[in-house]
Structures are given as structure tokens and as C-alpha cells.
Amino acid sequence: DVNFESFFTTWSAVVEQVIAGDWQAGRDLHLRVTAYGE
């Protein structure tokens, strides 16, 4: 959501890990803001 900076930093670092060969890092990342509602 609007507070995306920390998510982007973490995501791009994991993309780097996966490209370098750590396939599991991409599977282990879970960054999803929960949209609460009625």
C-alpha cells in the first residue's frame, strides 16, 4: 500500500538472492498487506 518503501527494499533484495541462485528465498517471502473491510 502507500507504505511501500520497506516492502520494495525487501522484495528487490530477494529478487537479487533468487537470481544469484537461492530459489528458496523467493518462495519464503510473504509480503502482502491485508485489506481489512466489512
All heavy atoms as atom14 arrays in JSON, in Angstrom:
{
  "sequence": "DVNFESFFTTWSAVVEQVIAGDWQAGRDLHLRVTAYGE",
  "atom14_mask": [
    [1, 1, 1, 1, 1, 1, 1, 1, 0, 0, 0, 0, 0, 0],
    [1, 1, 1, 1, 1, 1, 1, 0, 0, 0, 0, 0, 0, 0],
    [1, 1, 1, 1, 1, 1, 1, 1, 0, 0, 0, 0, 0, 0],
    [1, 1, 1, 1, 1, 1, 1, 1, 1, 1, 1, 0, 0, 0],
    [1, 1, 1, 1, 1, 1, 1, 1, 1, 0, 0, 0, 0, 0],
    [1, 1, 1, 1, 1, 1, 0, 0, 0, 0, 0, 0, 0, 0],
    [1, 1, 1, 1, 1, 1, 1, 1, 1, 1, 1, 0, 0, 0],
    [1, 1, 1, 1, 1, 1, 1, 1, 1, 1, 1, 0, 0, 0],
    [1, 1, 1, 1, 1, 1, 1, 0, 0, 0, 0, 0, 0, 0],
    [1, 1, 1, 1, 1, 1, 1, 0, 0, 0, 0, 0, 0, 0],
    [1, 1, 1, 1, 1, 1, 1, 1, 1, 1, 1, 1, 1, 1],
    [1, 1, 1, 1, 1, 1, 0, 0, 0, 0, 0, 0, 0, 0],
    [1, 1, 1, 1, 1, 0, 0, 0, 0, 0, 0, 0, 0, 0],
    [1, 1, 1, 1, 1, 1, 1, 0, 0, 0, 0, 0, 0, 0],
    [1, 1, 1, 1, 1, 1, 1, 0, 0, 0, 0, 0, 0, 0],
    [1, 1, 1, 1, 1, 1, 1, 1, 1, 0, 0, 0, 0, 0],
    [1, 1, 1, 1, 1, 1, 1, 1, 1, 0, 0, 0, 0, 0],
    [1, 1, 1, 1, 1, 1, 1, 0, 0, 0, 0, 0, 0, 0],
    [1, 1, 1, 1, 1, 1, 1, 1, 0, 0, 0, 0, 0, 0],
    [1, 1, 1, 1, 1, 0, 0, 0, 0, 0, 0, 0, 0, 0],
    [1, 1, 1, 1, 0, 0, 0, 0, 0, 0, 0, 0, 0, 0],
    [1, 1, 1, 1, 1, 1, 1, 1, 0, 0, 0, 0, 0, 0],
    [1, 1, 1, 1, 1, 1, 1, 1, 1, 1, 1, 1, 1, 1],
    [1, 1, 1, 1, 1, 1, 1, 1, 1, 0, 0, 0, 0, 0],
    [1, 1, 1, 1, 1, 0, 0, 0, 0, 0, 0, 0, 0, 0],
    [1, 1, 1, 1, 0, 0, 0, 0, 0, 0, 0, 0, 0, 0],
    [1, 1, 1, 1, 1, 1, 1, 1, 1, 1, 1, 0, 0, 0],
    [1, 1, 1, 1, 1, 1, 1, 1, 0, 0, 0, 0, 0, 0],
    [1, 1, 1, 1, 1, 1, 1, 1, 0, 0, 0, 0, 0, 0],
    [1, 1, 1, 1, 1, 1, 1, 1, 1, 1, 0, 0, 0, 0],
    [1, 1, 1, 1, 1, 1, 1, 1, 0, 0, 0, 0, 0, 0],
    [1, 1, 1, 1, 1, 1, 1, 1, 1, 1, 1, 0, 0, 0],
    [1, 1, 1, 1, 1, 1, 1, 0, 0, 0, 0, 0, 0, 0],
    [1, 1, 1, 1, 1, 1, 1, 0, 0, 0, 0, 0, 0, 0],
    [1, 1, 1, 1, 1, 0, 0, 0, 0, 0, 0, 0, 0, 0],
    [1, 1, 1, 1, 1, 1, 1, 1, 1, 1, 1, 1, 0, 0],
    [1, 1, 1, 1, 0, 0, 0, 0, 0, 0, 0, 0, 0, 0],
    [1, 1, 1, 1, 1, 1, 1, 1, 1, 0, 0, 0, 0, 0]
  ],
  "atom14_positions": [
    [[0.84, -1.19, 0.0], [0.0, 0.0, 0.0], [0.88, 1.24, 0.0], [2.02, 1.2, -0.49], [-0.98, -0.03, 1.18], [-0.26, -0.01, 2.53], [0.99, 0.04, 2.55], [-0.95, -0.05, 3.57], [0.0, 0.0, 0.0], [0.0, 0.0, 0.0], [0.0, 0.0, 0.0], [0.0, 0.0, 0.0], [0.0, 0.0, 0.0], [0.0, 0.0, 0.0]],
    [[0.4, 2.34, 0.54], [1.15, 3.6, 0.47], [2.47, 3.53, 1.24], [3.4, 4.29, 0.94], [0.3, 4.78, 0.99], [-0.86, 5.05, 0.05], [-0.23, 4.49, 2.4], [0.0, 0.0, 0.0], [0.0, 0.0, 0.0], [0.0, 0.0, 0.0], [0.0, 0.0, 0.0], [0.0, 0.0, 0.0], [0.0, 0.0, 0.0], [0.0, 0.0, 0.0]],
    [[2.57, 2.66, 2.22], [3.83, 2.5, 2.97], [4.64, 1.37, 2.32], [4.84, 0.31, 2.91], [3.53, 2.18, 4.44], [2.73, 3.27, 5.11], [3.12, 4.42, 5.09], [1.59, 2.92, 5.68], [0.0, 0.0, 0.0], [0.0, 0.0, 0.0], [0.0, 0.0, 0.0], [0.0, 0.0, 0.0], [0.0, 0.0, 0.0], [0.0, 0.0, 0.0]],
    [[5.11, 1.63, 1.1], [5.7, 0.56, 0.29], [7.22, 0.47, 0.37], [7.81, -0.49, -0.12], [5.31, 0.74, -1.18], [5.65, 2.07, -1.75], [6.95, 2.38, -2.14], [4.67, 3.04, -1.92], [7.27, 3.62, -2.67], [4.98, 4.28, -2.45], [6.28, 4.57, -2.83], [0.0, 0.0, 0.0], [0.0, 0.0, 0.0], [0.0, 0.0, 0.0]],
    [[7.88, 1.47, 0.96], [9.34, 1.53, 0.88], [10.02, 0.29, 1.46], [10.91, -0.29, 0.82], [9.86, 2.78, 1.58], [9.74, 4.05, 0.75], [10.64, 4.03, -0.49], [11.61, 3.23, -0.54], [10.38, 4.83, -1.41], [0.0, 0.0, 0.0], [0.0, 0.0, 0.0], [0.0, 0.0, 0.0], [0.0, 0.0, 0.0], [0.0, 0.0, 0.0]],
    [[9.64, -0.12, 2.66], [10.3, -1.28, 3.27], [10.0, -2.55, 2.48], [10.86, -3.42, 2.34], [9.86, -1.44, 4.73], [8.47, -1.69, 4.82], [0.0, 0.0, 0.0], [0.0, 0.0, 0.0], [0.0, 0.0, 0.0], [0.0, 0.0, 0.0], [0.0, 0.0, 0.0], [0.0, 0.0, 0.0], [0.0, 0.0, 0.0], [0.0, 0.0, 0.0]],
    [[8.78, -2.66, 1.95], [8.43, -3.81, 1.12], [9.3, -3.86, -0.13], [9.8, -4.92, -0.52], [6.95, -3.73, 0.7], [5.98, -4.3, 1.7], [6.28, -4.34, 3.04], [4.75, -4.8, 1.28], [5.38, -4.86, 3.96], [3.85, -5.33, 2.18], [4.16, -5.36, 3.53], [0.0, 0.0, 0.0], [0.0, 0.0, 0.0], [0.0, 0.0, 0.0]],
    [[9.5, -2.69, -0.77], [10.28, -2.67, -2.0], [11.73, -3.03, -1.74], [12.34, -3.78, -2.52], [10.2, -1.28, -2.65], [10.95, -1.18, -3.95], [10.43, -1.76, -5.09], [12.16, -0.52, -4.02], [11.13, -1.69, -6.3], [12.86, -0.44, -5.21], [12.33, -1.03, -6.35], [0.0, 0.0, 0.0], [0.0, 0.0, 0.0], [0.0, 0.0, 0.0]],
    [[12.28, -2.53, -0.65], [13.67, -2.86, -0.29], [13.84, -4.35, -0.08], [14.79, -4.96, -0.58], [14.09, -2.08, 0.97], [13.99, -0.68, 0.72], [15.51, -2.43, 1.36], [0.0, 0.0, 0.0], [0.0, 0.0, 0.0], [0.0, 0.0, 0.0], [0.0, 0.0, 0.0], [0.0, 0.0, 0.0], [0.0, 0.0, 0.0], [0.0, 0.0, 0.0]],
    [[12.9, -4.95, 0.65], [12.98, -6.39, 0.93], [12.79, -7.2, -0.34], [13.53, -8.15, -0.61], [11.91, -6.78, 1.97], [12.1, -6.03, 3.16], [11.97, -8.26, 2.29], [0.0, 0.0, 0.0], [0.0, 0.0, 0.0], [0.0, 0.0, 0.0], [0.0, 0.0, 0.0], [0.0, 0.0, 0.0], [0.0, 0.0, 0.0], [0.0, 0.0, 0.0]],
    [[11.79, -6.82, -1.14], [11.49, -7.56, -2.37], [12.66, -7.53, -3.34], [13.05, -8.58, -3.88], [10.25, -6.96, -3.03], [9.88, -7.58, -4.34], [9.28, -8.79, -4.55], [10.06, -6.99, -5.65], [9.08, -8.99, -5.9], [9.54, -7.91, -6.59], [10.6, -5.79, -6.09], [9.56, -7.65, -7.96], [10.61, -5.53, -7.45], [10.1, -6.45, -8.38]],
    [[13.24, -6.37, -3.57], [14.35, -6.27, -4.52], [15.56, -7.07, -4.04], [16.29, -7.67, -4.85], [14.71, -4.81, -4.78], [15.0, -4.13, -3.57], [0.0, 0.0, 0.0], [0.0, 0.0, 0.0], [0.0, 0.0, 0.0], [0.0, 0.0, 0.0], [0.0, 0.0, 0.0], [0.0, 0.0, 0.0], [0.0, 0.0, 0.0], [0.0, 0.0, 0.0]],
    [[15.77, -7.1, -2.71], [16.88, -7.91, -2.17], [16.65, -9.39, -2.39], [17.59, -10.14, -2.69], [17.05, -7.62, -0.68], [0.0, 0.0, 0.0], [0.0, 0.0, 0.0], [0.0, 0.0, 0.0], [0.0, 0.0, 0.0], [0.0, 0.0, 0.0], [0.0, 0.0, 0.0], [0.0, 0.0, 0.0], [0.0, 0.0, 0.0], [0.0, 0.0, 0.0]],
    [[15.4, -9.83, -2.28], [15.09, -11.24, -2.51], [15.21, -11.58, -3.98], [15.68, -12.67, -4.35], [13.69, -11.59, -1.96], [13.27, -12.98, -2.39], [13.68, -11.47, -0.44], [0.0, 0.0, 0.0], [0.0, 0.0, 0.0], [0.0, 0.0, 0.0], [0.0, 0.0, 0.0], [0.0, 0.0, 0.0], [0.0, 0.0, 0.0], [0.0, 0.0, 0.0]],
    [[14.8, -10.65, -4.86], [14.99, -10.88, -6.3], [16.47, -11.1, -6.59], [16.85, -11.99, -7.36], [14.45, -9.68, -7.11], [14.85, -9.81, -8.59], [12.92, -9.6, -7.0], [0.0, 0.0, 0.0], [0.0, 0.0, 0.0], [0.0, 0.0, 0.0], [0.0, 0.0, 0.0], [0.0, 0.0, 0.0], [0.0, 0.0, 0.0], [0.0, 0.0, 0.0]],
    [[17.32, -10.31, -5.95], [18.76, -10.48, -6.11], [19.21, -11.86, -5.65], [20.01, -12.53, -6.34], [19.52, -9.4, -5.34], [21.04, -9.52, -5.45], [21.78, -8.43, -4.71], [21.13, -7.66, -3.96], [23.01, -8.33, -4.88], [0.0, 0.0, 0.0], [0.0, 0.0, 0.0], [0.0, 0.0, 0.0], [0.0, 0.0, 0.0], [0.0, 0.0, 0.0]],
    [[18.7, -12.31, -4.51], [19.07, -13.64, -4.0], [18.67, -14.74, -4.96], [19.43, -15.68, -5.21], [18.4, -13.89, -2.64], [18.96, -13.07, -1.49], [18.19, -13.35, -0.22], [17.31, -12.59, 0.18], [18.5, -14.45, 0.44], [0.0, 0.0, 0.0], [0.0, 0.0, 0.0], [0.0, 0.0, 0.0], [0.0, 0.0, 0.0], [0.0, 0.0, 0.0]],
    [[17.48, -14.63, -5.5], [16.99, -15.67, -6.41], [17.81, -15.71, -7.69], [18.2, -16.78, -8.18], [15.5, -15.46, -6.73], [15.03, -16.48, -7.77], [14.65, -15.6, -5.45], [0.0, 0.0, 0.0], [0.0, 0.0, 0.0], [0.0, 0.0, 0.0], [0.0, 0.0, 0.0], [0.0, 0.0, 0.0], [0.0, 0.0, 0.0], [0.0, 0.0, 0.0]],
    [[18.1, -14.55, -8.24], [18.91, -14.5, -9.46], [20.3, -15.09, -9.21], [20.9, -15.73, -10.09], [19.01, -13.05, -9.98], [17.65, -12.61, -10.54], [20.09, -12.91, -11.04], [17.6, -11.18, -11.0], [0.0, 0.0, 0.0], [0.0, 0.0, 0.0], [0.0, 0.0, 0.0], [0.0, 0.0, 0.0], [0.0, 0.0, 0.0], [0.0, 0.0, 0.0]],
    [[20.78, -14.92, -7.97], [22.1, -15.46, -7.62], [22.05, -16.96, -7.35], [23.1, -17.58, -7.13], [22.64, -14.74, -6.39], [0.0, 0.0, 0.0], [0.0, 0.0, 0.0], [0.0, 0.0, 0.0], [0.0, 0.0, 0.0], [0.0, 0.0, 0.0], [0.0, 0.0, 0.0], [0.0, 0.0, 0.0], [0.0, 0.0, 0.0], [0.0, 0.0, 0.0]],
    [[20.84, -17.54, -7.36], [20.75, -18.99, -7.21], [19.97, -19.49, -6.02], [19.74, -20.7, -5.88], [0.0, 0.0, 0.0], [0.0, 0.0, 0.0], [0.0, 0.0, 0.0], [0.0, 0.0, 0.0], [0.0, 0.0, 0.0], [0.0, 0.0, 0.0], [0.0, 0.0, 0.0], [0.0, 0.0, 0.0], [0.0, 0.0, 0.0], [0.0, 0.0, 0.0]],
    [[19.54, -18.59, -5.12], [18.77, -19.01, -3.95], [17.29, -19.03, -4.28], [16.54, -18.13, -3.97], [19.05, -18.06, -2.78], [18.4, -18.52, -1.48], [17.72, -19.57, -1.49], [18.57, -17.82, -0.46], [0.0, 0.0, 0.0], [0.0, 0.0, 0.0], [0.0, 0.0, 0.0], [0.0, 0.0, 0.0], [0.0, 0.0, 0.0], [0.0, 0.0, 0.0]],
    [[16.86, -20.09, -4.91], [15.48, -20.23, -5.37], [14.49, -20.21, -4.2], [13.4, -19.68, -4.3], [15.36, -21.52, -6.16], [14.01, -21.78, -6.76], [13.07, -22.64, -6.32], [13.47, -21.15, -7.93], [11.97, -22.61, -7.13], [12.19, -21.7, -8.13], [13.94, -20.19, -8.82], [11.37, -21.31, -9.18], [13.13, -19.81, -9.88], [11.86, -20.37, -10.05]],
    [[14.9, -20.79, -3.07], [14.0, -20.9, -1.92], [13.65, -19.53, -1.32], [12.58, -19.35, -0.75], [14.65, -21.77, -0.83], [13.72, -22.15, 0.31], [12.52, -22.96, -0.16], [12.62, -23.81, -1.04], [11.35, -22.67, 0.42], [0.0, 0.0, 0.0], [0.0, 0.0, 0.0], [0.0, 0.0, 0.0], [0.0, 0.0, 0.0], [0.0, 0.0, 0.0]],
    [[14.54, -18.56, -1.46], [14.29, -17.23, -0.91], [13.0, -16.62, -1.47], [12.25, -15.95, -0.75], [15.47, -16.31, -1.16], [0.0, 0.0, 0.0], [0.0, 0.0, 0.0], [0.0, 0.0, 0.0], [0.0, 0.0, 0.0], [0.0, 0.0, 0.0], [0.0, 0.0, 0.0], [0.0, 0.0, 0.0], [0.0, 0.0, 0.0], [0.0, 0.0, 0.0]],
    [[12.76, -16.85, -2.75], [11.54, -16.32, -3.37], [10.29, -16.99, -2.86], [9.24, -16.35, -2.72], [0.0, 0.0, 0.0], [0.0, 0.0, 0.0], [0.0, 0.0, 0.0], [0.0, 0.0, 0.0], [0.0, 0.0, 0.0], [0.0, 0.0, 0.0], [0.0, 0.0, 0.0], [0.0, 0.0, 0.0], [0.0, 0.0, 0.0], [0.0, 0.0, 0.0]],
    [[10.39, -18.28, -2.56], [9.24, -19.0, -2.02], [8.94, -18.61, -0.58], [7.79, -18.67, -0.12], [9.48, -20.5, -2.1], [9.6, -21.05, -3.52], [10.0, -22.51, -3.5], [10.08, -23.06, -4.84], [10.57, -24.28, -5.12], [11.04, -25.03, -4.14], [10.61, -24.7, -6.37], [0.0, 0.0, 0.0], [0.0, 0.0, 0.0], [0.0, 0.0, 0.0]],
    [[9.97, -18.21, 0.14], [9.82, -17.9, 1.56], [9.32, -16.48, 1.82], [8.9, -16.16, 2.93], [11.15, -18.09, 2.3], [11.57, -19.55, 2.37], [10.7, -20.42, 2.2], [12.78, -19.8, 2.59], [0.0, 0.0, 0.0], [0.0, 0.0, 0.0], [0.0, 0.0, 0.0], [0.0, 0.0, 0.0], [0.0, 0.0, 0.0], [0.0, 0.0, 0.0]],
    [[9.36, -15.63, 0.81], [8.96, -14.24, 1.01], [7.44, -14.11, 0.96], [6.79, -14.55, 0.01], [9.58, -13.34, -0.07], [9.29, -11.85, 0.11], [9.98, -11.3, 1.35], [9.69, -11.07, -1.12], [0.0, 0.0, 0.0], [0.0, 0.0, 0.0], [0.0, 0.0, 0.0], [0.0, 0.0, 0.0], [0.0, 0.0, 0.0], [0.0, 0.0, 0.0]],
    [[6.87, -13.49, 1.98], [5.42, -13.26, 2.02], [5.19, -11.82, 2.47], [5.23, -11.52, 3.66], [4.74, -14.25, 2.97], [4.92, -15.68, 2.58], [4.2, -16.27, 1.56], [5.77, -16.63, 3.05], [4.59, -17.53, 1.43], [5.53, -17.77, 2.32], [0.0, 0.0, 0.0], [0.0, 0.0, 0.0], [0.0, 0.0, 0.0], [0.0, 0.0, 0.0]],
    [[4.96, -10.95, 1.5], [4.74, -9.53, 1.78], [3.42, -9.11, 1.14], [3.37, -8.75, -0.04], [5.88, -8.67, 1.22], [7.24, -8.75, 1.91], [8.24, -7.88, 1.18], [7.14, -8.33, 3.37], [0.0, 0.0, 0.0], [0.0, 0.0, 0.0], [0.0, 0.0, 0.0], [0.0, 0.0, 0.0], [0.0, 0.0, 0.0], [0.0, 0.0, 0.0]],
    [[2.36, -9.19, 1.89], [1.05, -8.8, 1.38], [0.27, -8.08, 2.46], [-0.03, -8.65, 3.5], [0.27, -10.01, 0.87], [0.89, -10.62, -0.38], [0.14, -11.81, -0.9], [0.86, -12.41, -2.01], [0.51, -13.56, -2.61], [-0.55, -14.24, -2.16], [1.22, -14.04, -3.6], [0.0, 0.0, 0.0], [0.0, 0.0, 0.0], [0.0, 0.0, 0.0]],
    [[-0.03, -6.82, 2.2], [-0.84, -6.04, 3.13], [-2.25, -6.62, 3.13], [-2.82, -6.89, 2.07], [-0.88, -4.56, 2.72], [-1.9, -3.79, 3.55], [0.5, -3.95, 2.87], [0.0, 0.0, 0.0], [0.0, 0.0, 0.0], [0.0, 0.0, 0.0], [0.0, 0.0, 0.0], [0.0, 0.0, 0.0], [0.0, 0.0, 0.0], [0.0, 0.0, 0.0]],
    [[-2.79, -6.84, 4.3], [-4.17, -7.31, 4.41], [-5.11, -6.12, 4.3], [-4.98, -5.16, 5.05], [-4.4, -8.02, 5.75], [-3.5, -9.13, 5.84], [-5.83, -8.52, 5.86], [0.0, 0.0, 0.0], [0.0, 0.0, 0.0], [0.0, 0.0, 0.0], [0.0, 0.0, 0.0], [0.0, 0.0, 0.0], [0.0, 0.0, 0.0], [0.0, 0.0, 0.0]],
    [[-6.03, -6.2, 3.37], [-7.01, -5.12, 3.2], [-8.24, -5.44, 4.03], [-9.1, -6.22, 3.63], [-7.39, -4.98, 1.72], [0.0, 0.0, 0.0], [0.0, 0.0, 0.0], [0.0, 0.0, 0.0], [0.0, 0.0, 0.0], [0.0, 0.0, 0.0], [0.0, 0.0, 0.0], [0.0, 0.0, 0.0], [0.0, 0.0, 0.0], [0.0, 0.0, 0.0]],
    [[-8.3, -4.88, 5.23], [-9.45, -5.14, 6.09], [-10.66, -4.38, 5.57], [-10.56, -3.3, 5.01], [-9.14, -4.7, 7.52], [-8.03, -5.5, 8.16], [-6.81, -4.91, 8.45], [-8.21, -6.84, 8.46], [-5.79, -5.64, 9.04], [-7.19, -7.58, 9.03], [-5.98, -6.98, 9.32], [-4.97, -7.71, 9.89], [0.0, 0.0, 0.0], [0.0, 0.0, 0.0]],
    [[-11.83, -4.95, 5.78], [-13.07, -4.32, 5.35], [-14.24, -4.95, 6.07], [-14.08, -5.75, 6.99], [0.0, 0.0, 0.0], [0.0, 0.0, 0.0], [0.0, 0.0, 0.0], [0.0, 0.0, 0.0], [0.0, 0.0, 0.0], [0.0, 0.0, 0.0], [0.0, 0.0, 0.0], [0.0, 0.0, 0.0], [0.0, 0.0, 0.0], [0.0, 0.0, 0.0]],
    [[-15.45, -4.62, 5.62], [-16.65, -5.11, 6.29], [-16.75, -6.63, 6.25], [-17.31, -7.25, 7.17], [-17.89, -4.49, 5.64], [-17.99, -2.98, 5.87], [-19.2, -2.38, 5.22], [-20.3, -2.9, 5.42], [-19.04, -1.38, 4.49], [0.0, 0.0, 0.0], [0.0, 0.0, 0.0], [0.0, 0.0, 0.0], [0.0, 0.0, 0.0], [0.0, 0.0, 0.0]]
  ]
}
